[in-house]
């Protein structure tokens, strides 16, 4: 990946709220396109990711790249990757803000080709987003989680 992403792959906005909305839209689009390089331009080189699906936290783009490649690589021919970010709330204003949202992750297209999701879950998503000296907004911290059922200790994905 280049240190200088294509101009159409970076997020520039006048306000933090606009930046987070653009990041959420780009996240969904790039995950759907399975474009690892474009997806990673949304993140700071020193990003820290606490991902529900990763056994350990990821520090830095190289670590997160491995996680994203694994995620995008799990799809089979004919399946479509879905990452819908909704209910976005931005906290604060300025060059560093926090945001939280709901994320629906799914793989459309079961083995029978019946249009059913082969996989689906709802996560809680938290981002810390920073505007760099270059004016580009990037995710510097990401945390996904799911609530647990206290009696069983199992995650609730729906």
N, C-alpha and C. Protein backbone atom coordinates (compact mmCIF):
# COMPACT_ATOMS: atom_id res chain seq x y z
N UNK A 1 0.84 -1.18 0.00
CA UNK A 1 0.00 0.00 0.00
C UNK A 1 0.88 1.23 0.00
N UNK A 2 0.52 2.21 -0.77
CA UNK A 2 1.28 3.45 -0.86
C UNK A 2 1.08 4.29 0.39
N UNK A 3 2.11 5.09 0.72
CA UNK A 3 1.97 6.02 1.83
C UNK A 3 1.07 7.19 1.45
N UNK A 4 0.78 7.33 0.15
CA UNK A 4 -0.05 8.41 -0.35
C UNK A 4 -1.23 7.84 -1.11
N UNK A 5 -2.35 7.60 -0.41
CA UNK A 5 -3.50 7.00 -1.07
C UNK A 5 -4.05 7.91 -2.16
N UNK A 6 -4.75 7.29 -3.11
CA UNK A 6 -5.37 8.06 -4.17
C UNK A 6 -6.29 9.12 -3.57
N UNK A 7 -6.32 10.31 -4.17
CA UNK A 7 -7.14 11.41 -3.60
C UNK A 7 -8.61 11.04 -3.40
N UNK A 8 -9.15 10.19 -4.25
CA UNK A 8 -10.56 9.81 -4.10
C UNK A 8 -10.78 8.78 -3.00
N UNK A 9 -9.71 8.27 -2.41
CA UNK A 9 -9.84 7.30 -1.34
C UNK A 9 -9.75 7.91 0.05
N UNK A 10 -9.39 9.18 0.16
CA UNK A 10 -9.26 9.80 1.47
C UNK A 10 -10.51 10.59 1.82
N UNK A 11 -10.71 10.83 3.10
CA UNK A 11 -11.90 11.53 3.59
C UNK A 11 -11.49 12.93 4.02
N UNK A 12 -12.08 13.90 3.37
CA UNK A 12 -11.90 15.31 3.74
C UNK A 12 -13.28 15.89 3.99
N UNK A 13 -13.42 16.66 5.04
CA UNK A 13 -14.72 17.25 5.37
C UNK A 13 -14.49 18.51 6.19
N UNK A 14 -15.48 19.40 6.17
CA UNK A 14 -15.38 20.65 6.91
C UNK A 14 -15.66 20.47 8.40
N UNK A 15 -16.46 19.46 8.74
CA UNK A 15 -16.78 19.23 10.15
C UNK A 15 -16.51 17.78 10.52
N UNK A 16 -16.32 17.55 11.80
CA UNK A 16 -16.10 16.19 12.29
C UNK A 16 -17.32 15.31 12.01
N UNK A 17 -18.50 15.85 12.20
CA UNK A 17 -19.72 15.06 11.94
C UNK A 17 -19.80 14.61 10.49
N UNK A 18 -19.51 15.53 9.57
CA UNK A 18 -19.51 15.17 8.15
C UNK A 18 -18.45 14.12 7.86
N UNK A 19 -17.29 14.26 8.49
CA UNK A 19 -16.21 13.30 8.28
C UNK A 19 -16.62 11.90 8.72
N UNK A 20 -17.24 11.79 9.89
CA UNK A 20 -17.64 10.48 10.40
C UNK A 20 -18.71 9.86 9.50
N UNK A 21 -19.65 10.67 9.04
CA UNK A 21 -20.67 10.15 8.12
C UNK A 21 -20.01 9.65 6.83
N UNK A 22 -19.05 10.40 6.31
CA UNK A 22 -18.34 9.96 5.10
C UNK A 22 -17.53 8.70 5.36
N UNK A 23 -16.88 8.62 6.53
CA UNK A 23 -16.13 7.41 6.89
C UNK A 23 -17.06 6.20 6.95
N UNK A 24 -18.22 6.35 7.56
CA UNK A 24 -19.17 5.25 7.68
C UNK A 24 -19.63 4.79 6.29
N UNK A 25 -19.93 5.72 5.42
CA UNK A 25 -20.36 5.38 4.05
C UNK A 25 -19.23 4.67 3.30
N UNK A 26 -18.02 5.23 3.39
CA UNK A 26 -16.88 4.63 2.70
C UNK A 26 -16.57 3.24 3.26
N UNK A 27 -16.67 3.07 4.57
CA UNK A 27 -16.44 1.77 5.21
C UNK A 27 -17.36 0.73 4.59
N UNK A 28 -18.65 1.06 4.49
CA UNK A 28 -19.63 0.13 3.93
C UNK A 28 -19.34 -0.18 2.47
N UNK A 29 -19.08 0.86 1.69
CA UNK A 29 -18.83 0.67 0.26
C UNK A 29 -17.57 -0.15 0.01
N UNK A 30 -16.49 0.16 0.72
CA UNK A 30 -15.22 -0.53 0.47
C UNK A 30 -15.22 -1.96 1.00
N UNK A 31 -15.93 -2.18 2.09
CA UNK A 31 -16.09 -3.56 2.57
C UNK A 31 -16.91 -4.36 1.57
N UNK A 32 -17.94 -3.74 1.01
CA UNK A 32 -18.76 -4.42 0.01
C UNK A 32 -17.98 -4.73 -1.26
N UNK A 33 -17.05 -3.86 -1.61
CA UNK A 33 -16.23 -4.06 -2.80
C UNK A 33 -15.05 -5.01 -2.55
N UNK A 34 -14.83 -5.38 -1.30
CA UNK A 34 -13.71 -6.24 -0.90
C UNK A 34 -12.37 -5.63 -1.32
N UNK A 35 -12.29 -4.31 -1.24
CA UNK A 35 -11.08 -3.58 -1.65
C UNK A 35 -10.24 -3.30 -0.40
N UNK A 36 -9.30 -4.19 -0.11
CA UNK A 36 -8.50 -4.09 1.12
C UNK A 36 -7.74 -2.78 1.16
N UNK A 37 -7.05 -2.42 0.08
CA UNK A 37 -6.23 -1.21 0.08
C UNK A 37 -7.08 0.05 0.29
N UNK A 38 -8.19 0.15 -0.43
CA UNK A 38 -9.06 1.32 -0.26
C UNK A 38 -9.65 1.35 1.14
N UNK A 39 -10.04 0.20 1.66
CA UNK A 39 -10.60 0.11 3.01
C UNK A 39 -9.59 0.61 4.04
N UNK A 40 -8.34 0.21 3.90
CA UNK A 40 -7.32 0.58 4.88
C UNK A 40 -6.95 2.05 4.84
N UNK A 41 -7.26 2.76 3.76
CA UNK A 41 -6.98 4.20 3.73
C UNK A 41 -7.85 4.96 4.72
N UNK A 42 -8.88 4.31 5.25
CA UNK A 42 -9.74 4.94 6.25
C UNK A 42 -9.08 4.99 7.63
N UNK A 43 -7.96 4.29 7.78
CA UNK A 43 -7.32 4.11 9.08
C UNK A 43 -5.97 4.81 9.16
N UNK A 44 -5.66 5.27 10.36
CA UNK A 44 -4.36 5.86 10.67
C UNK A 44 -3.30 4.75 10.66
N UNK A 45 -2.06 5.05 10.25
CA UNK A 45 -1.02 4.01 10.26
C UNK A 45 -0.81 3.36 11.64
N UNK A 46 -1.08 4.09 12.72
CA UNK A 46 -0.89 3.57 14.07
C UNK A 46 -2.21 3.16 14.73
N UNK A 47 -3.21 2.83 13.93
CA UNK A 47 -4.53 2.48 14.45
C UNK A 47 -4.44 1.34 15.47
N UNK A 48 -5.33 1.41 16.45
CA UNK A 48 -5.50 0.33 17.42
C UNK A 48 -6.92 -0.20 17.22
N UNK A 49 -7.03 -1.51 16.96
CA UNK A 49 -8.33 -2.12 16.68
C UNK A 49 -8.60 -3.21 17.69
N UNK A 50 -9.73 -3.08 18.39
CA UNK A 50 -10.25 -4.14 19.24
C UNK A 50 -11.47 -4.70 18.51
N UNK A 51 -11.25 -5.76 17.75
CA UNK A 51 -12.29 -6.31 16.90
C UNK A 51 -12.86 -7.56 17.52
N UNK A 52 -14.16 -7.68 17.49
CA UNK A 52 -14.84 -8.83 18.08
C UNK A 52 -14.32 -10.15 17.52
N UNK A 53 -13.96 -10.15 16.24
CA UNK A 53 -13.55 -11.40 15.58
C UNK A 53 -12.05 -11.69 15.70
N UNK A 54 -11.28 -10.76 16.24
CA UNK A 54 -9.84 -11.00 16.38
C UNK A 54 -9.54 -11.48 17.79
N UNK A 55 -8.65 -12.44 17.91
CA UNK A 55 -8.35 -12.99 19.23
C UNK A 55 -7.53 -12.02 20.09
N UNK A 56 -6.82 -11.11 19.46
CA UNK A 56 -6.03 -10.12 20.19
C UNK A 56 -6.24 -8.76 19.53
N UNK A 57 -5.94 -7.72 20.26
CA UNK A 57 -6.06 -6.39 19.67
C UNK A 57 -5.02 -6.23 18.57
N UNK A 58 -5.37 -5.44 17.58
CA UNK A 58 -4.44 -5.16 16.50
C UNK A 58 -3.88 -3.77 16.66
N UNK A 59 -2.58 -3.65 16.55
CA UNK A 59 -1.93 -2.34 16.64
C UNK A 59 -1.20 -2.11 15.33
N UNK A 60 -1.57 -1.05 14.62
CA UNK A 60 -0.93 -0.70 13.37
C UNK A 60 -1.64 -1.29 12.16
N UNK A 61 -1.39 -0.68 11.01
CA UNK A 61 -2.05 -1.10 9.79
C UNK A 61 -1.67 -2.52 9.35
N UNK A 62 -0.44 -2.95 9.59
CA UNK A 62 -0.05 -4.30 9.17
C UNK A 62 -0.90 -5.34 9.89
N UNK A 63 -1.09 -5.15 11.17
CA UNK A 63 -1.92 -6.08 11.94
C UNK A 63 -3.37 -6.03 11.45
N UNK A 64 -3.89 -4.84 11.25
CA UNK A 64 -5.28 -4.70 10.82
C UNK A 64 -5.45 -5.23 9.40
N UNK A 65 -4.43 -5.04 8.55
CA UNK A 65 -4.50 -5.59 7.19
C UNK A 65 -4.72 -7.10 7.23
N UNK A 66 -4.00 -7.80 8.09
CA UNK A 66 -4.17 -9.25 8.20
C UNK A 66 -5.61 -9.60 8.59
N UNK A 67 -6.18 -8.83 9.52
CA UNK A 67 -7.56 -9.07 9.93
C UNK A 67 -8.55 -8.82 8.81
N UNK A 68 -8.34 -7.73 8.07
CA UNK A 68 -9.24 -7.38 6.96
C UNK A 68 -9.10 -8.40 5.84
N UNK A 69 -7.88 -8.81 5.53
CA UNK A 69 -7.69 -9.82 4.48
C UNK A 69 -8.38 -11.13 4.85
N UNK A 70 -8.32 -11.50 6.13
CA UNK A 70 -9.00 -12.70 6.59
C UNK A 70 -10.51 -12.55 6.45
N UNK A 71 -11.04 -11.39 6.87
CA UNK A 71 -12.47 -11.10 6.78
C UNK A 71 -12.93 -11.17 5.33
N UNK A 72 -12.29 -10.41 4.44
CA UNK A 72 -12.72 -10.36 3.05
C UNK A 72 -12.49 -11.70 2.35
N UNK A 73 -11.47 -12.43 2.79
CA UNK A 73 -11.13 -13.70 2.16
C UNK A 73 -12.05 -14.85 2.52
N UNK A 74 -12.93 -14.67 3.51
CA UNK A 74 -13.80 -15.77 3.91
C UNK A 74 -14.98 -15.94 2.96
N UNK A 75 -15.20 -14.98 2.08
CA UNK A 75 -16.34 -15.08 1.17
C UNK A 75 -16.06 -16.09 0.05
N UNK A 76 -17.11 -16.77 -0.32
CA UNK A 76 -17.04 -17.73 -1.42
C UNK A 76 -17.59 -17.08 -2.68
N UNK A 77 -17.27 -17.62 -3.85
CA UNK A 77 -17.80 -17.06 -5.10
C UNK A 77 -19.33 -16.93 -5.03
N UNK A 78 -19.83 -15.81 -5.48
CA UNK A 78 -21.26 -15.55 -5.49
C UNK A 78 -21.79 -14.92 -4.21
N UNK A 79 -20.95 -14.81 -3.19
CA UNK A 79 -21.39 -14.18 -1.95
C UNK A 79 -21.05 -12.70 -1.97
N UNK A 80 -21.82 -11.95 -1.21
CA UNK A 80 -21.63 -10.50 -1.14
C UNK A 80 -21.41 -10.10 0.31
N UNK A 81 -20.37 -9.27 0.54
CA UNK A 81 -20.03 -8.79 1.88
C UNK A 81 -20.86 -7.55 2.21
N UNK A 82 -21.45 -7.53 3.38
CA UNK A 82 -22.26 -6.39 3.83
C UNK A 82 -21.68 -5.87 5.14
N UNK A 83 -21.49 -4.57 5.21
CA UNK A 83 -21.08 -3.90 6.46
C UNK A 83 -21.85 -2.59 6.50
N UNK A 84 -23.00 -2.61 7.14
CA UNK A 84 -23.87 -1.43 7.20
C UNK A 84 -23.68 -0.73 8.54
N UNK A 85 -23.34 0.55 8.48
CA UNK A 85 -23.15 1.35 9.69
C UNK A 85 -24.36 2.28 9.82
N UNK A 86 -25.08 2.17 10.93
CA UNK A 86 -26.28 2.97 11.14
C UNK A 86 -26.25 3.58 12.53
N UNK A 87 -27.20 4.47 12.78
CA UNK A 87 -27.38 5.09 14.10
C UNK A 87 -26.08 5.74 14.59
N UNK A 88 -25.41 6.45 13.69
CA UNK A 88 -24.13 7.07 14.01
C UNK A 88 -24.35 8.30 14.90
N UNK A 89 -23.62 8.35 16.00
CA UNK A 89 -23.62 9.50 16.90
C UNK A 89 -22.18 9.97 17.06
N UNK A 90 -21.97 11.26 16.82
CA UNK A 90 -20.63 11.84 16.94
C UNK A 90 -20.58 12.62 18.24
N UNK A 91 -19.54 12.40 19.03
CA UNK A 91 -19.36 13.07 20.30
C UNK A 91 -18.18 14.03 20.19
N UNK A 92 -18.45 15.30 20.39
CA UNK A 92 -17.39 16.30 20.33
C UNK A 92 -17.31 16.97 18.98
N UNK A 93 -16.37 17.89 18.90
CA UNK A 93 -16.10 18.61 17.66
C UNK A 93 -14.64 19.03 17.71
N UNK A 94 -14.05 19.19 16.59
CA UNK A 94 -12.64 19.53 16.55
C UNK A 94 -11.87 18.46 15.81
N UNK A 95 -10.56 18.46 15.93
CA UNK A 95 -9.74 17.52 15.14
C UNK A 95 -9.72 16.08 15.66
N UNK A 96 -10.24 15.85 16.87
CA UNK A 96 -10.34 14.49 17.41
C UNK A 96 -11.73 14.33 18.01
N UNK A 97 -12.46 13.30 17.54
CA UNK A 97 -13.81 13.05 18.05
C UNK A 97 -14.01 11.56 18.26
N UNK A 98 -15.01 11.24 19.04
CA UNK A 98 -15.45 9.86 19.21
C UNK A 98 -16.80 9.70 18.53
N UNK A 99 -17.09 8.50 18.12
CA UNK A 99 -18.39 8.21 17.51
C UNK A 99 -18.79 6.79 17.90
N UNK A 100 -20.09 6.56 17.98
CA UNK A 100 -20.58 5.21 18.19
C UNK A 100 -21.74 4.95 17.24
N UNK A 101 -21.93 3.67 16.91
CA UNK A 101 -22.93 3.30 15.92
C UNK A 101 -23.27 1.83 16.07
N UNK A 102 -24.21 1.40 15.25
CA UNK A 102 -24.53 -0.02 15.11
C UNK A 102 -23.93 -0.48 13.79
N UNK A 103 -23.39 -1.66 13.79
CA UNK A 103 -22.83 -2.22 12.56
C UNK A 103 -23.47 -3.58 12.30
N UNK A 104 -24.03 -3.72 11.11
CA UNK A 104 -24.57 -5.02 10.69
C UNK A 104 -23.57 -5.62 9.71
N UNK A 105 -23.03 -6.76 10.09
CA UNK A 105 -22.11 -7.49 9.23
C UNK A 105 -22.84 -8.72 8.72
N UNK A 106 -22.78 -8.95 7.43
CA UNK A 106 -23.46 -10.10 6.85
C UNK A 106 -22.74 -10.56 5.59
N UNK A 107 -22.97 -11.80 5.27
CA UNK A 107 -22.55 -12.36 3.99
C UNK A 107 -23.83 -12.84 3.33
N UNK A 108 -24.17 -12.21 2.22
CA UNK A 108 -25.37 -12.58 1.49
C UNK A 108 -25.05 -13.69 0.52
N UNK A 109 -26.00 -14.59 0.37
CA UNK A 109 -25.85 -15.66 -0.60
C UNK A 109 -25.45 -16.95 0.04
N UNK A 110 -26.45 -17.72 0.43
CA UNK A 110 -26.17 -19.02 1.01
C UNK A 110 -25.81 -20.03 -0.06
N UNK A 111 -25.49 -21.23 0.36
CA UNK A 111 -25.09 -22.29 -0.57
C UNK A 111 -26.19 -22.58 -1.59
N UNK A 112 -27.44 -22.47 -1.17
CA UNK A 112 -28.54 -22.76 -2.08
C UNK A 112 -28.82 -21.59 -3.03
N UNK A 113 -28.16 -20.45 -2.81
CA UNK A 113 -28.40 -19.29 -3.67
C UNK A 113 -29.79 -18.73 -3.50
N UNK A 114 -30.37 -18.92 -2.32
CA UNK A 114 -31.74 -18.51 -2.08
C UNK A 114 -31.88 -17.07 -1.60
N UNK A 115 -30.78 -16.31 -1.57
CA UNK A 115 -30.85 -14.92 -1.15
C UNK A 115 -30.78 -14.73 0.35
N UNK A 116 -30.77 -15.82 1.10
CA UNK A 116 -30.66 -15.73 2.55
C UNK A 116 -29.22 -15.40 2.94
N UNK A 117 -29.08 -14.75 4.10
CA UNK A 117 -27.74 -14.48 4.61
C UNK A 117 -27.07 -15.78 5.02
N UNK A 118 -25.84 -15.98 4.56
CA UNK A 118 -25.05 -17.12 5.00
C UNK A 118 -24.52 -16.86 6.40
N UNK A 119 -24.45 -15.58 6.76
CA UNK A 119 -23.91 -15.17 8.05
C UNK A 119 -24.44 -13.76 8.32
N UNK A 120 -24.78 -13.46 9.56
CA UNK A 120 -25.20 -12.10 9.90
C UNK A 120 -25.05 -11.88 11.40
N UNK A 121 -24.65 -10.67 11.75
CA UNK A 121 -24.59 -10.30 13.16
C UNK A 121 -24.65 -8.77 13.27
N UNK A 122 -25.11 -8.32 14.42
CA UNK A 122 -25.14 -6.90 14.75
C UNK A 122 -24.07 -6.67 15.82
N UNK A 123 -23.25 -5.65 15.61
CA UNK A 123 -22.22 -5.28 16.59
C UNK A 123 -22.44 -3.85 17.03
N UNK A 124 -21.85 -3.54 18.16
CA UNK A 124 -21.72 -2.15 18.60
C UNK A 124 -20.36 -1.70 18.06
N UNK A 125 -20.30 -0.49 17.56
CA UNK A 125 -19.08 0.03 16.96
C UNK A 125 -18.72 1.36 17.60
N UNK A 126 -17.48 1.51 18.00
CA UNK A 126 -16.97 2.78 18.53
C UNK A 126 -15.71 3.14 17.76
N UNK A 127 -15.65 4.40 17.35
CA UNK A 127 -14.47 4.93 16.65
C UNK A 127 -13.94 6.15 17.38
N UNK A 128 -12.65 6.33 17.35
CA UNK A 128 -12.01 7.62 17.61
C UNK A 128 -11.42 8.02 16.27
N UNK A 129 -11.76 9.23 15.85
CA UNK A 129 -11.39 9.72 14.52
C UNK A 129 -10.58 11.00 14.69
N UNK A 130 -9.52 11.13 13.89
CA UNK A 130 -8.66 12.31 14.00
C UNK A 130 -8.41 12.89 12.61
N UNK A 131 -8.41 14.22 12.56
CA UNK A 131 -8.03 14.92 11.34
C UNK A 131 -6.54 15.17 11.39
N UNK A 132 -5.83 14.67 10.40
CA UNK A 132 -4.38 14.82 10.35
C UNK A 132 -3.96 16.20 9.87
N UNK A 133 -2.67 16.46 9.98
CA UNK A 133 -2.13 17.73 9.49
C UNK A 133 -2.39 17.93 8.00
N UNK A 134 -2.59 16.83 7.28
CA UNK A 134 -2.87 16.89 5.84
C UNK A 134 -4.34 17.15 5.55
N UNK A 135 -5.17 17.30 6.61
CA UNK A 135 -6.60 17.57 6.44
C UNK A 135 -7.44 16.32 6.26
N UNK A 136 -6.82 15.16 6.22
CA UNK A 136 -7.53 13.90 6.00
C UNK A 136 -7.98 13.32 7.34
N UNK A 137 -9.23 12.88 7.39
CA UNK A 137 -9.80 12.25 8.59
C UNK A 137 -9.55 10.76 8.51
N UNK A 138 -9.06 10.19 9.61
CA UNK A 138 -8.78 8.75 9.67
C UNK A 138 -9.23 8.18 11.02
N UNK A 139 -9.54 6.91 11.01
CA UNK A 139 -9.89 6.19 12.23
C UNK A 139 -8.59 5.85 12.95
N UNK A 140 -8.46 6.30 14.21
CA UNK A 140 -7.26 5.99 15.00
C UNK A 140 -7.51 4.88 16.02
N UNK A 141 -8.79 4.64 16.31
CA UNK A 141 -9.15 3.55 17.22
C UNK A 141 -10.51 3.03 16.81
N UNK A 142 -10.64 1.71 16.78
CA UNK A 142 -11.91 1.06 16.47
C UNK A 142 -12.15 -0.06 17.47
N UNK A 143 -13.37 -0.13 17.94
CA UNK A 143 -13.75 -1.19 18.89
C UNK A 143 -15.11 -1.72 18.48
N UNK A 144 -15.19 -3.02 18.21
CA UNK A 144 -16.48 -3.65 17.97
C UNK A 144 -16.75 -4.62 19.09
N UNK A 145 -18.02 -4.72 19.45
CA UNK A 145 -18.40 -5.61 20.54
C UNK A 145 -19.84 -6.07 20.36
N UNK A 146 -20.20 -7.06 21.12
CA UNK A 146 -21.58 -7.55 21.17
C UNK A 146 -21.91 -7.78 22.64
N UNK A 147 -23.17 -7.56 23.01
CA UNK A 147 -23.55 -7.85 24.39
C UNK A 147 -23.49 -9.36 24.62
N UNK A 148 -23.39 -9.74 25.89
CA UNK A 148 -23.39 -11.18 26.22
C UNK A 148 -24.61 -11.52 27.06
N UNK A 149 -25.00 -12.75 26.95
CA UNK A 149 -26.06 -13.29 27.78
C UNK A 149 -25.40 -13.71 29.10
N UNK A 150 -25.74 -13.09 30.20
CA UNK A 150 -25.05 -13.32 31.44
C UNK A 150 -25.11 -14.76 31.93
N UNK A 151 -26.23 -15.42 31.72
CA UNK A 151 -26.35 -16.79 32.21
C UNK A 151 -25.45 -17.78 31.49
N UNK A 152 -25.25 -17.56 30.19
CA UNK A 152 -24.44 -18.50 29.40
C UNK A 152 -23.06 -17.97 29.04
N UNK A 153 -22.89 -16.66 29.11
CA UNK A 153 -21.63 -16.06 28.70
C UNK A 153 -21.47 -15.99 27.19
N UNK A 154 -22.52 -16.32 26.44
CA UNK A 154 -22.46 -16.30 24.98
C UNK A 154 -22.85 -14.94 24.44
N UNK A 155 -22.19 -14.56 23.34
CA UNK A 155 -22.48 -13.28 22.69
C UNK A 155 -23.86 -13.32 22.05
N UNK A 156 -24.50 -12.16 22.04
CA UNK A 156 -25.81 -11.99 21.40
C UNK A 156 -25.56 -11.24 20.10
N UNK A 157 -25.74 -11.89 18.98
CA UNK A 157 -25.38 -11.29 17.69
C UNK A 157 -26.55 -10.68 16.93
N UNK A 158 -27.75 -10.83 17.40
CA UNK A 158 -28.89 -10.37 16.59
C UNK A 158 -29.62 -9.24 17.12
